[in-house]
Amino acid sequence: MIILAAGLSRRMGERNKLLLPVHGRPMIRHMVDLYSQVTPRPVLVVTGHEADHIEAALEGNSAVTVVNPDYSQGQQTSVACGLRAAEDCELIFIGLGDQPLLTTADLRALLAAHASADPARISIPIQDQKRGNPIVVPARLRPRLLADPQSPGCKIFTRANPDQVQFHALSAPGFYADVDTPDAYDTLLRTRQEEIS
């Protein structure tokens, strides 16, 4: 279980989006708590930008953190960092730290879809041709995702190897909504006031 939390959060302005409150706690802690409900293993959080603040937000949590020294070079470096550091396990969830609309039911639905299809392929949620997150990666593909030092990770691999990918029509909004800008966060607060504070 890997959560990417290394980005520069540029579009949010001066605030680090992963430290904004969701359900009364920093967004990154909310996400770790969410993922922890569907896995018995500790969640691995890949940090980078303001790593010390992210780690402080997770203090007392069972999450394990690893710093990506190359985080400023893009998300693919954080994916690669997480894949190298992740424990050996049959499946690897790779998720984002800024998807607070996700629920445990959403995550379990994706896992169920993966299990009922071809468990040897990468599973990606999709709706109206829009890809979502998280994705489920079979451990056997980890070496291939790390094989290209110029383009490690999932984005290019999944597009170059469609035979290794399967899409699941999942309509839950949490798969497709992330919080990148102040407007997105304000909208989240306004529309989900009963859930997020």
N, C-alpha and C. Protein backbone atom coordinates (compact mmCIF):
# COMPACT_ATOMS: atom_id res chain seq x y z
N MET A 1 0.85 -1.18 0.00
CA MET A 1 0.00 0.00 0.00
C MET A 1 0.89 1.24 0.00
N ILE A 2 0.87 1.97 -1.10
CA ILE A 2 1.73 3.15 -1.24
C ILE A 2 0.85 4.38 -1.43
N ILE A 3 1.10 5.42 -0.65
CA ILE A 3 0.43 6.70 -0.85
C ILE A 3 1.49 7.72 -1.23
N LEU A 4 1.25 8.41 -2.34
CA LEU A 4 2.18 9.42 -2.82
C LEU A 4 1.87 10.76 -2.14
N ALA A 5 2.87 11.29 -1.43
CA ALA A 5 2.68 12.53 -0.67
C ALA A 5 3.92 13.40 -0.74
N ALA A 6 4.54 13.43 -1.93
CA ALA A 6 5.83 14.11 -2.07
C ALA A 6 5.75 15.40 -2.88
N GLY A 7 4.61 15.67 -3.52
CA GLY A 7 4.52 16.76 -4.48
C GLY A 7 4.68 18.14 -3.88
N LEU A 8 4.95 19.09 -4.75
CA LEU A 8 5.21 20.47 -4.34
C LEU A 8 3.94 21.24 -3.98
N SER A 9 2.78 20.72 -4.36
CA SER A 9 1.50 21.36 -4.03
C SER A 9 1.44 22.80 -4.53
N ARG A 10 2.03 23.04 -5.70
CA ARG A 10 2.15 24.41 -6.23
C ARG A 10 0.80 25.09 -6.45
N ARG A 11 -0.16 24.33 -6.98
CA ARG A 11 -1.44 24.94 -7.34
C ARG A 11 -2.28 25.35 -6.14
N MET A 12 -1.89 24.87 -4.95
CA MET A 12 -2.61 25.24 -3.74
C MET A 12 -2.11 26.57 -3.18
N GLY A 13 -1.05 27.10 -3.76
CA GLY A 13 -0.50 28.37 -3.26
C GLY A 13 0.45 28.14 -2.12
N GLU A 14 0.32 28.91 -1.07
CA GLU A 14 1.26 28.83 0.04
C GLU A 14 0.98 27.64 0.96
N ARG A 15 -0.19 27.07 0.87
CA ARG A 15 -0.54 25.97 1.76
C ARG A 15 -0.18 24.62 1.14
N ASN A 16 0.26 23.70 1.98
CA ASN A 16 0.47 22.32 1.54
C ASN A 16 -0.88 21.62 1.65
N LYS A 17 -1.43 21.22 0.52
CA LYS A 17 -2.78 20.64 0.52
C LYS A 17 -2.90 19.42 1.43
N LEU A 18 -1.82 18.66 1.58
CA LEU A 18 -1.89 17.44 2.37
C LEU A 18 -1.97 17.71 3.87
N LEU A 19 -1.77 18.96 4.26
CA LEU A 19 -1.87 19.33 5.67
C LEU A 19 -3.18 20.04 5.99
N LEU A 20 -4.00 20.28 4.98
CA LEU A 20 -5.30 20.92 5.20
C LEU A 20 -6.23 19.96 5.94
N PRO A 21 -7.12 20.48 6.78
CA PRO A 21 -7.96 19.59 7.59
C PRO A 21 -9.07 18.89 6.80
N VAL A 22 -9.18 17.61 7.05
CA VAL A 22 -10.25 16.76 6.53
C VAL A 22 -10.72 15.89 7.68
N HIS A 23 -12.00 15.97 8.00
CA HIS A 23 -12.53 15.24 9.16
C HIS A 23 -11.74 15.58 10.42
N GLY A 24 -11.30 16.84 10.52
CA GLY A 24 -10.63 17.28 11.73
C GLY A 24 -9.18 16.84 11.88
N ARG A 25 -8.59 16.33 10.82
CA ARG A 25 -7.17 15.93 10.88
C ARG A 25 -6.53 16.26 9.55
N PRO A 26 -5.20 16.32 9.49
CA PRO A 26 -4.56 16.63 8.21
C PRO A 26 -4.97 15.64 7.11
N MET A 27 -5.13 16.15 5.91
CA MET A 27 -5.59 15.31 4.81
C MET A 27 -4.77 14.04 4.66
N ILE A 28 -3.44 14.14 4.78
CA ILE A 28 -2.61 12.95 4.58
C ILE A 28 -2.89 11.91 5.67
N ARG A 29 -3.15 12.36 6.89
CA ARG A 29 -3.46 11.39 7.95
C ARG A 29 -4.82 10.74 7.69
N HIS A 30 -5.78 11.54 7.22
CA HIS A 30 -7.08 10.98 6.87
C HIS A 30 -6.92 9.89 5.81
N MET A 31 -6.09 10.14 4.81
CA MET A 31 -5.91 9.16 3.73
C MET A 31 -5.22 7.89 4.24
N VAL A 32 -4.22 8.07 5.08
CA VAL A 32 -3.54 6.90 5.64
C VAL A 32 -4.50 6.08 6.49
N ASP A 33 -5.29 6.75 7.31
CA ASP A 33 -6.28 6.04 8.13
C ASP A 33 -7.27 5.28 7.25
N LEU A 34 -7.66 5.89 6.14
CA LEU A 34 -8.60 5.27 5.21
C LEU A 34 -8.00 3.99 4.63
N TYR A 35 -6.81 4.10 4.07
CA TYR A 35 -6.17 2.93 3.46
C TYR A 35 -5.87 1.85 4.49
N SER A 36 -5.57 2.26 5.71
CA SER A 36 -5.25 1.29 6.75
C SER A 36 -6.42 0.36 7.06
N GLN A 37 -7.62 0.80 6.73
CA GLN A 37 -8.80 -0.02 7.00
C GLN A 37 -8.98 -1.17 6.02
N VAL A 38 -8.21 -1.17 4.93
CA VAL A 38 -8.37 -2.24 3.94
C VAL A 38 -7.10 -3.07 3.77
N THR A 39 -6.12 -2.86 4.64
CA THR A 39 -4.90 -3.66 4.56
C THR A 39 -4.37 -3.93 5.96
N PRO A 40 -3.87 -5.13 6.20
CA PRO A 40 -3.26 -5.41 7.51
C PRO A 40 -1.82 -4.91 7.60
N ARG A 41 -1.25 -4.50 6.47
CA ARG A 41 0.14 -4.05 6.44
C ARG A 41 0.22 -2.55 6.68
N PRO A 42 1.34 -2.07 7.21
CA PRO A 42 1.50 -0.62 7.36
C PRO A 42 1.47 0.07 6.00
N VAL A 43 0.86 1.23 5.94
CA VAL A 43 0.82 2.02 4.72
C VAL A 43 2.17 2.71 4.55
N LEU A 44 2.71 2.65 3.34
CA LEU A 44 3.97 3.31 3.02
C LEU A 44 3.67 4.67 2.39
N VAL A 45 4.15 5.73 3.00
CA VAL A 45 3.91 7.09 2.50
C VAL A 45 5.21 7.63 1.93
N VAL A 46 5.18 7.99 0.64
CA VAL A 46 6.35 8.57 -0.01
C VAL A 46 6.29 10.08 0.16
N THR A 47 7.29 10.63 0.85
CA THR A 47 7.33 12.06 1.12
C THR A 47 8.42 12.73 0.29
N GLY A 48 8.43 14.04 0.34
CA GLY A 48 9.43 14.81 -0.40
C GLY A 48 9.35 16.25 0.04
N HIS A 49 8.45 17.01 -0.61
CA HIS A 49 8.21 18.40 -0.23
C HIS A 49 7.66 18.46 1.20
N GLU A 50 8.31 19.29 2.03
CA GLU A 50 7.90 19.44 3.44
C GLU A 50 7.74 18.09 4.13
N ALA A 51 8.71 17.22 3.89
CA ALA A 51 8.65 15.86 4.44
C ALA A 51 8.51 15.87 5.96
N ASP A 52 9.19 16.80 6.63
CA ASP A 52 9.11 16.84 8.09
C ASP A 52 7.71 17.17 8.57
N HIS A 53 7.00 18.04 7.84
CA HIS A 53 5.62 18.39 8.22
C HIS A 53 4.68 17.20 7.99
N ILE A 54 4.89 16.49 6.88
CA ILE A 54 4.06 15.31 6.60
C ILE A 54 4.30 14.25 7.67
N GLU A 55 5.55 14.03 8.02
CA GLU A 55 5.86 13.04 9.05
C GLU A 55 5.27 13.45 10.40
N ALA A 56 5.29 14.73 10.69
CA ALA A 56 4.70 15.20 11.95
C ALA A 56 3.20 14.96 11.97
N ALA A 57 2.55 15.14 10.83
CA ALA A 57 1.10 14.91 10.74
C ALA A 57 0.75 13.44 10.94
N LEU A 58 1.72 12.57 10.68
CA LEU A 58 1.48 11.13 10.81
C LEU A 58 2.01 10.56 12.13
N GLU A 59 2.53 11.41 12.99
CA GLU A 59 3.11 10.93 14.24
C GLU A 59 2.09 10.14 15.05
N GLY A 60 2.52 8.99 15.52
CA GLY A 60 1.63 8.12 16.29
C GLY A 60 0.82 7.17 15.44
N ASN A 61 0.90 7.34 14.13
CA ASN A 61 0.21 6.47 13.19
C ASN A 61 1.13 5.30 12.84
N SER A 62 0.58 4.23 12.32
CA SER A 62 1.39 3.05 11.97
C SER A 62 2.08 3.18 10.62
N ALA A 63 1.85 4.29 9.92
CA ALA A 63 2.43 4.46 8.59
C ALA A 63 3.95 4.46 8.64
N VAL A 64 4.54 3.98 7.54
CA VAL A 64 5.98 4.02 7.34
C VAL A 64 6.25 5.06 6.27
N THR A 65 7.24 5.92 6.48
CA THR A 65 7.55 6.94 5.48
C THR A 65 8.90 6.69 4.84
N VAL A 66 9.00 7.09 3.58
CA VAL A 66 10.27 7.05 2.86
C VAL A 66 10.36 8.34 2.06
N VAL A 67 11.52 8.99 2.11
CA VAL A 67 11.71 10.26 1.42
C VAL A 67 12.21 10.01 0.00
N ASN A 68 11.54 10.63 -0.96
CA ASN A 68 11.99 10.59 -2.34
C ASN A 68 12.89 11.80 -2.59
N PRO A 69 14.19 11.60 -2.74
CA PRO A 69 15.09 12.75 -2.93
C PRO A 69 14.90 13.44 -4.27
N ASP A 70 14.22 12.76 -5.19
CA ASP A 70 14.02 13.30 -6.54
C ASP A 70 12.60 13.79 -6.77
N TYR A 71 11.87 14.10 -5.69
CA TYR A 71 10.45 14.42 -5.82
C TYR A 71 10.16 15.58 -6.75
N SER A 72 11.09 16.53 -6.84
CA SER A 72 10.85 17.70 -7.70
C SER A 72 10.87 17.35 -9.18
N GLN A 73 11.29 16.14 -9.51
CA GLN A 73 11.35 15.71 -10.91
C GLN A 73 10.07 15.04 -11.39
N GLY A 74 9.08 14.97 -10.54
CA GLY A 74 7.79 14.46 -10.98
C GLY A 74 7.30 13.24 -10.23
N GLN A 75 5.99 13.00 -10.39
CA GLN A 75 5.33 11.94 -9.64
C GLN A 75 5.90 10.56 -9.93
N GLN A 76 6.39 10.34 -11.17
CA GLN A 76 6.89 9.02 -11.51
C GLN A 76 8.07 8.62 -10.63
N THR A 77 8.84 9.62 -10.17
CA THR A 77 9.97 9.29 -9.29
C THR A 77 9.47 8.85 -7.92
N SER A 78 8.34 9.39 -7.49
CA SER A 78 7.77 8.97 -6.21
C SER A 78 7.18 7.57 -6.31
N VAL A 79 6.57 7.27 -7.46
CA VAL A 79 6.06 5.91 -7.67
C VAL A 79 7.22 4.92 -7.60
N ALA A 80 8.32 5.24 -8.30
CA ALA A 80 9.47 4.35 -8.31
C ALA A 80 10.06 4.20 -6.90
N CYS A 81 10.15 5.30 -6.18
CA CYS A 81 10.67 5.27 -4.81
C CYS A 81 9.80 4.36 -3.94
N GLY A 82 8.49 4.50 -4.06
CA GLY A 82 7.58 3.67 -3.29
C GLY A 82 7.67 2.20 -3.65
N LEU A 83 7.77 1.91 -4.94
CA LEU A 83 7.87 0.52 -5.37
C LEU A 83 9.14 -0.14 -4.85
N ARG A 84 10.23 0.62 -4.83
CA ARG A 84 11.48 0.05 -4.32
C ARG A 84 11.41 -0.22 -2.82
N ALA A 85 10.67 0.63 -2.11
CA ALA A 85 10.64 0.52 -0.65
C ALA A 85 9.52 -0.37 -0.12
N ALA A 86 8.53 -0.68 -0.95
CA ALA A 86 7.37 -1.43 -0.49
C ALA A 86 7.73 -2.85 -0.08
N GLU A 87 7.02 -3.35 0.90
CA GLU A 87 7.20 -4.73 1.33
C GLU A 87 6.81 -5.68 0.22
N ASP A 88 7.38 -6.88 0.29
CA ASP A 88 6.97 -7.92 -0.65
C ASP A 88 5.54 -8.34 -0.31
N CYS A 89 4.66 -8.26 -1.29
CA CYS A 89 3.28 -8.68 -1.10
C CYS A 89 2.70 -8.98 -2.48
N GLU A 90 1.58 -9.65 -2.49
CA GLU A 90 0.98 -10.08 -3.75
C GLU A 90 0.49 -8.90 -4.58
N LEU A 91 -0.12 -7.91 -3.91
CA LEU A 91 -0.67 -6.75 -4.60
C LEU A 91 -0.15 -5.47 -3.97
N ILE A 92 -0.01 -4.44 -4.80
CA ILE A 92 0.43 -3.14 -4.33
C ILE A 92 -0.61 -2.10 -4.76
N PHE A 93 -1.25 -1.49 -3.79
CA PHE A 93 -2.13 -0.34 -4.03
C PHE A 93 -1.23 0.88 -4.20
N ILE A 94 -1.44 1.68 -5.23
CA ILE A 94 -0.73 2.95 -5.34
C ILE A 94 -1.78 4.05 -5.41
N GLY A 95 -1.81 4.89 -4.38
CA GLY A 95 -2.83 5.93 -4.28
C GLY A 95 -2.23 7.31 -4.08
N LEU A 96 -3.08 8.31 -4.15
CA LEU A 96 -2.68 9.70 -3.98
C LEU A 96 -3.08 10.19 -2.59
N GLY A 97 -2.33 11.15 -2.10
CA GLY A 97 -2.62 11.67 -0.77
C GLY A 97 -3.70 12.72 -0.72
N ASP A 98 -4.28 13.07 -1.89
CA ASP A 98 -5.23 14.19 -1.93
C ASP A 98 -6.58 13.81 -2.52
N GLN A 99 -7.08 12.62 -2.15
CA GLN A 99 -8.38 12.17 -2.64
C GLN A 99 -9.34 11.90 -1.47
N PRO A 100 -9.71 12.93 -0.73
CA PRO A 100 -10.49 12.73 0.49
C PRO A 100 -11.93 12.27 0.28
N LEU A 101 -12.41 12.24 -0.97
CA LEU A 101 -13.75 11.72 -1.20
C LEU A 101 -13.79 10.19 -1.28
N LEU A 102 -12.62 9.57 -1.36
CA LEU A 102 -12.59 8.10 -1.36
C LEU A 102 -13.12 7.56 -0.05
N THR A 103 -13.73 6.38 -0.13
CA THR A 103 -14.23 5.68 1.05
C THR A 103 -13.64 4.27 1.09
N THR A 104 -13.76 3.63 2.23
CA THR A 104 -13.30 2.24 2.31
C THR A 104 -14.11 1.36 1.36
N ALA A 105 -15.39 1.68 1.17
CA ALA A 105 -16.22 0.91 0.23
C ALA A 105 -15.67 1.03 -1.18
N ASP A 106 -15.19 2.23 -1.55
CA ASP A 106 -14.59 2.41 -2.87
C ASP A 106 -13.36 1.53 -3.03
N LEU A 107 -12.49 1.54 -2.04
CA LEU A 107 -11.27 0.76 -2.12
C LEU A 107 -11.57 -0.73 -2.19
N ARG A 108 -12.54 -1.17 -1.41
CA ARG A 108 -12.90 -2.59 -1.43
C ARG A 108 -13.55 -2.97 -2.77
N ALA A 109 -14.30 -2.04 -3.36
CA ALA A 109 -14.90 -2.31 -4.66
C ALA A 109 -13.82 -2.49 -5.73
N LEU A 110 -12.78 -1.69 -5.67
CA LEU A 110 -11.68 -1.83 -6.63
C LEU A 110 -10.95 -3.15 -6.42
N LEU A 111 -10.69 -3.50 -5.19
CA LEU A 111 -10.03 -4.77 -4.91
C LEU A 111 -10.88 -5.95 -5.38
N ALA A 112 -12.18 -5.86 -5.18
CA ALA A 112 -13.08 -6.94 -5.62
C ALA A 112 -13.10 -7.04 -7.14
N ALA A 113 -13.11 -5.89 -7.82
CA ALA A 113 -13.08 -5.89 -9.28
C ALA A 113 -11.79 -6.52 -9.79
N HIS A 114 -10.70 -6.19 -9.14
CA HIS A 114 -9.41 -6.76 -9.53
C HIS A 114 -9.41 -8.27 -9.34
N ALA A 115 -9.90 -8.73 -8.21
CA ALA A 115 -9.89 -10.16 -7.90
C ALA A 115 -10.79 -10.96 -8.84
N SER A 116 -11.86 -10.32 -9.32
CA SER A 116 -12.80 -11.04 -10.19
C SER A 116 -12.39 -10.99 -11.66
N ALA A 117 -11.35 -10.23 -11.97
CA ALA A 117 -10.88 -10.13 -13.36
C ALA A 117 -9.57 -10.92 -13.48
N ASP A 118 -8.55 -10.34 -14.08
CA ASP A 118 -7.26 -11.01 -14.23
C ASP A 118 -6.31 -10.45 -13.19
N PRO A 119 -6.04 -11.18 -12.13
CA PRO A 119 -5.21 -10.64 -11.05
C PRO A 119 -3.75 -10.42 -11.44
N ALA A 120 -3.37 -10.83 -12.65
CA ALA A 120 -1.99 -10.62 -13.11
C ALA A 120 -1.82 -9.29 -13.81
N ARG A 121 -2.92 -8.55 -14.00
CA ARG A 121 -2.85 -7.26 -14.68
C ARG A 121 -3.02 -6.11 -13.69
N ILE A 122 -2.58 -4.93 -14.11
CA ILE A 122 -2.80 -3.72 -13.34
C ILE A 122 -4.26 -3.31 -13.47
N SER A 123 -4.91 -3.02 -12.36
CA SER A 123 -6.31 -2.60 -12.38
C SER A 123 -6.42 -1.10 -12.17
N ILE A 124 -7.20 -0.45 -13.05
CA ILE A 124 -7.37 0.99 -13.01
C ILE A 124 -8.86 1.32 -13.08
N PRO A 125 -9.39 2.14 -12.17
CA PRO A 125 -10.79 2.57 -12.27
C PRO A 125 -10.94 3.53 -13.46
N ILE A 126 -12.11 3.49 -14.08
CA ILE A 126 -12.36 4.37 -15.22
C ILE A 126 -13.82 4.77 -15.27
N GLN A 127 -14.07 5.99 -15.72
CA GLN A 127 -15.44 6.47 -15.94
C GLN A 127 -15.40 7.48 -17.08
N ASP A 128 -16.19 7.21 -18.12
CA ASP A 128 -16.23 8.11 -19.29
C ASP A 128 -14.84 8.42 -19.81
N GLN A 129 -14.03 7.38 -19.96
CA GLN A 129 -12.67 7.47 -20.48
C GLN A 129 -11.69 8.18 -19.55
N LYS A 130 -12.13 8.58 -18.37
CA LYS A 130 -11.23 9.22 -17.41
C LYS A 130 -10.68 8.17 -16.45
N ARG A 131 -9.37 8.10 -16.38
CA ARG A 131 -8.72 7.18 -15.47
C ARG A 131 -8.76 7.73 -14.05
N GLY A 132 -8.88 6.83 -13.10
CA GLY A 132 -8.92 7.25 -11.70
C GLY A 132 -7.77 6.66 -10.90
N ASN A 133 -7.78 6.95 -9.63
CA ASN A 133 -6.82 6.43 -8.66
C ASN A 133 -7.56 6.05 -7.40
N PRO A 134 -7.03 5.08 -6.64
CA PRO A 134 -5.75 4.40 -6.78
C PRO A 134 -5.78 3.33 -7.87
N ILE A 135 -4.62 2.71 -8.10
CA ILE A 135 -4.54 1.57 -8.99
C ILE A 135 -4.01 0.38 -8.20
N VAL A 136 -4.26 -0.81 -8.72
CA VAL A 136 -3.78 -2.04 -8.08
C VAL A 136 -2.74 -2.67 -9.00
N VAL A 137 -1.55 -2.89 -8.46
CA VAL A 137 -0.43 -3.41 -9.24
C VAL A 137 -0.02 -4.78 -8.71
N PRO A 138 -0.06 -5.82 -9.54
CA PRO A 138 0.45 -7.12 -9.11
C PRO A 138 1.96 -7.03 -8.85
N ALA A 139 2.42 -7.65 -7.80
CA ALA A 139 3.83 -7.55 -7.44
C ALA A 139 4.75 -8.06 -8.54
N ARG A 140 4.27 -8.98 -9.36
CA ARG A 140 5.13 -9.54 -10.41
C ARG A 140 5.55 -8.48 -11.43
N LEU A 141 4.79 -7.39 -11.51
CA LEU A 141 5.11 -6.34 -12.48
C LEU A 141 6.06 -5.28 -11.92
N ARG A 142 6.37 -5.36 -10.65
CA ARG A 142 7.24 -4.35 -10.05
C ARG A 142 8.57 -4.21 -10.80
N PRO A 143 9.28 -5.30 -11.14
CA PRO A 143 10.55 -5.14 -11.86
C PRO A 143 10.38 -4.43 -13.20
N ARG A 144 9.28 -4.70 -13.89
CA ARG A 144 9.07 -4.05 -15.19
C ARG A 144 8.78 -2.56 -15.04
N LEU A 145 8.09 -2.19 -13.97
CA LEU A 145 7.79 -0.78 -13.74
C LEU A 145 9.04 0.01 -13.36
N LEU A 146 10.06 -0.68 -12.89
CA LEU A 146 11.29 -0.03 -12.49
C LEU A 146 12.42 -0.20 -13.51
N ALA A 147 12.12 -0.90 -14.60
CA ALA A 147 13.18 -1.26 -15.56
C ALA A 147 13.73 -0.08 -16.34
N ASP A 148 12.89 0.91 -16.64
CA ASP A 148 13.32 2.06 -17.44
C ASP A 148 13.70 3.20 -16.50
N PRO A 149 15.00 3.48 -16.34
CA PRO A 149 15.40 4.53 -15.39
C PRO A 149 14.96 5.93 -15.82
N GLN A 150 14.69 6.12 -17.11
CA GLN A 150 14.25 7.42 -17.60
C GLN A 150 12.76 7.66 -17.35
N SER A 151 11.98 6.60 -17.37
CA SER A 151 10.52 6.72 -17.20
C SER A 151 10.00 5.61 -16.30
N PRO A 152 10.42 5.60 -15.03
CA PRO A 152 9.92 4.56 -14.14
C PRO A 152 8.46 4.82 -13.77
N GLY A 153 7.86 3.83 -13.13
CA GLY A 153 6.50 4.02 -12.66
C GLY A 153 5.46 3.49 -13.60
N CYS A 154 4.23 3.97 -13.43
CA CYS A 154 3.07 3.37 -14.08
C CYS A 154 2.56 4.09 -15.31
N LYS A 155 2.68 5.41 -15.37
CA LYS A 155 1.99 6.17 -16.40
C LYS A 155 2.37 5.74 -17.81
N ILE A 156 3.64 5.76 -18.12
CA ILE A 156 4.08 5.38 -19.46
C ILE A 156 3.93 3.88 -19.66
N PHE A 157 4.25 3.10 -18.62
CA PHE A 157 4.15 1.64 -18.76
C PHE A 157 2.74 1.19 -19.12
N THR A 158 1.74 1.73 -18.44
CA THR A 158 0.37 1.28 -18.70
C THR A 158 -0.11 1.65 -20.10
N ARG A 159 0.40 2.75 -20.63
CA ARG A 159 0.01 3.15 -21.98
C ARG A 159 0.78 2.39 -23.05
N ALA A 160 2.00 2.01 -22.74
CA ALA A 160 2.83 1.27 -23.70
C ALA A 160 2.55 -0.22 -23.68
N ASN A 161 1.90 -0.70 -22.61
CA ASN A 161 1.63 -2.13 -22.47
C ASN A 161 0.17 -2.37 -22.12
N PRO A 162 -0.74 -2.07 -23.04
CA PRO A 162 -2.16 -2.22 -22.74
C PRO A 162 -2.57 -3.64 -22.39
N ASP A 163 -1.77 -4.62 -22.84
CA ASP A 163 -2.08 -6.01 -22.51
C ASP A 163 -1.86 -6.32 -21.03
N GLN A 164 -1.18 -5.42 -20.32
CA GLN A 164 -0.92 -5.63 -18.90
C GLN A 164 -1.88 -4.83 -18.01
N VAL A 165 -2.90 -4.25 -18.63
CA VAL A 165 -3.81 -3.35 -17.92
C VAL A 165 -5.25 -3.80 -18.10
N GLN A 166 -6.05 -3.60 -17.08
CA GLN A 166 -7.49 -3.80 -17.20
C GLN A 166 -8.19 -2.64 -16.51
N PHE A 167 -9.26 -2.18 -17.12
CA PHE A 167 -10.02 -1.05 -16.59
C PHE A 167 -11.33 -1.55 -15.99
N HIS A 168 -11.72 -0.90 -14.91
CA HIS A 168 -12.96 -1.27 -14.22
C HIS A 168 -13.87 -0.05 -14.15
N ALA A 169 -15.07 -0.20 -14.65
CA ALA A 169 -16.04 0.90 -14.64
C ALA A 169 -16.56 1.08 -13.21
N LEU A 170 -16.00 2.04 -12.54
CA LEU A 170 -16.38 2.35 -11.15
C LEU A 170 -16.80 3.81 -11.10
N SER A 171 -17.99 4.06 -10.60
CA SER A 171 -18.56 5.41 -10.71
C SER A 171 -18.38 6.28 -9.48
N ALA A 172 -17.86 5.74 -8.39
CA ALA A 172 -17.72 6.54 -7.17
C ALA A 172 -16.86 7.77 -7.44
N PRO A 173 -17.30 8.95 -7.05
CA PRO A 173 -16.57 10.18 -7.38
C PRO A 173 -15.19 10.25 -6.75
N GLY A 174 -14.98 9.55 -5.65
CA GLY A 174 -13.69 9.63 -4.97
C GLY A 174 -12.52 9.18 -5.82
N PHE A 175 -12.78 8.29 -6.78
CA PHE A 175 -11.71 7.81 -7.65
C PHE A 175 -11.17 8.90 -8.58
N TYR A 176 -11.99 9.89 -8.85
CA TYR A 176 -11.66 10.85 -9.92
C TYR A 176 -11.50 12.29 -9.41
N ALA A 177 -11.62 12.49 -8.12
CA ALA A 177 -11.56 13.85 -7.56
C ALA A 177 -10.36 13.98 -6.64
N ASP A 178 -9.46 14.90 -6.98
CA ASP A 178 -8.39 15.23 -6.06
C ASP A 178 -8.47 16.71 -5.74
N VAL A 179 -7.72 17.12 -4.74
CA VAL A 179 -7.79 18.49 -4.25
C VAL A 179 -6.46 19.17 -4.57
N ASP A 180 -6.42 19.90 -5.69
CA ASP A 180 -5.18 20.52 -6.15
C ASP A 180 -5.14 22.03 -5.95
N THR A 181 -6.29 22.67 -5.85
CA THR A 181 -6.35 24.14 -5.83
C THR A 181 -7.19 24.62 -4.65
N PRO A 182 -7.03 25.91 -4.27
CA PRO A 182 -7.89 26.45 -3.21
C PRO A 182 -9.38 26.34 -3.56
N ASP A 183 -9.73 26.56 -4.83
CA ASP A 183 -11.14 26.44 -5.22
C ASP A 183 -11.64 25.01 -5.02
N ALA A 184 -10.81 24.03 -5.37
CA ALA A 184 -11.22 22.63 -5.20
C ALA A 184 -11.43 22.32 -3.72
N TYR A 185 -10.57 22.84 -2.87
CA TYR A 185 -10.71 22.59 -1.44
C TYR A 185 -11.94 23.30 -0.90
N ASP A 186 -12.16 24.55 -1.32
CA ASP A 186 -13.33 25.29 -0.86
C ASP A 186 -14.62 24.62 -1.30
N THR A 187 -14.62 24.09 -2.53
CA THR A 187 -15.79 23.37 -3.02
C THR A 187 -16.03 22.12 -2.19
N LEU A 188 -14.95 21.43 -1.85
CA LEU A 188 -15.05 20.25 -1.00
C LEU A 188 -15.67 20.60 0.33
N LEU A 189 -15.21 21.68 0.93
CA LEU A 189 -15.77 22.11 2.22
C LEU A 189 -17.24 22.48 2.10
N ARG A 190 -17.57 23.15 1.01
CA ARG A 190 -18.94 23.65 0.84
C ARG A 190 -19.92 22.52 0.57
N THR A 191 -19.51 21.57 -0.25
CA THR A 191 -20.44 20.51 -0.66
C THR A 191 -20.47 19.34 0.30
N ARG A 192 -19.41 19.20 1.10
CA ARG A 192 -19.34 18.09 2.05
C ARG A 192 -19.22 18.58 3.48
N GLN A 193 -19.88 19.67 3.77
CA GLN A 193 -19.74 20.29 5.08
C GLN A 193 -20.10 19.32 6.21
N GLU A 194 -21.05 18.45 5.94
CA GLU A 194 -21.47 17.53 6.99
C GLU A 194 -20.42 16.45 7.24
N GLU A 195 -19.44 16.28 6.32
CA GLU A 195 -18.46 15.23 6.49
C GLU A 195 -17.08 15.75 6.83
N ILE A 196 -16.75 16.95 6.34
CA ILE A 196 -15.38 17.45 6.44
C ILE A 196 -15.37 18.75 7.22
N SER A 197 -14.46 18.86 8.16
CA SER A 197 -14.36 20.08 8.96
C SER A 197 -12.91 20.34 9.31
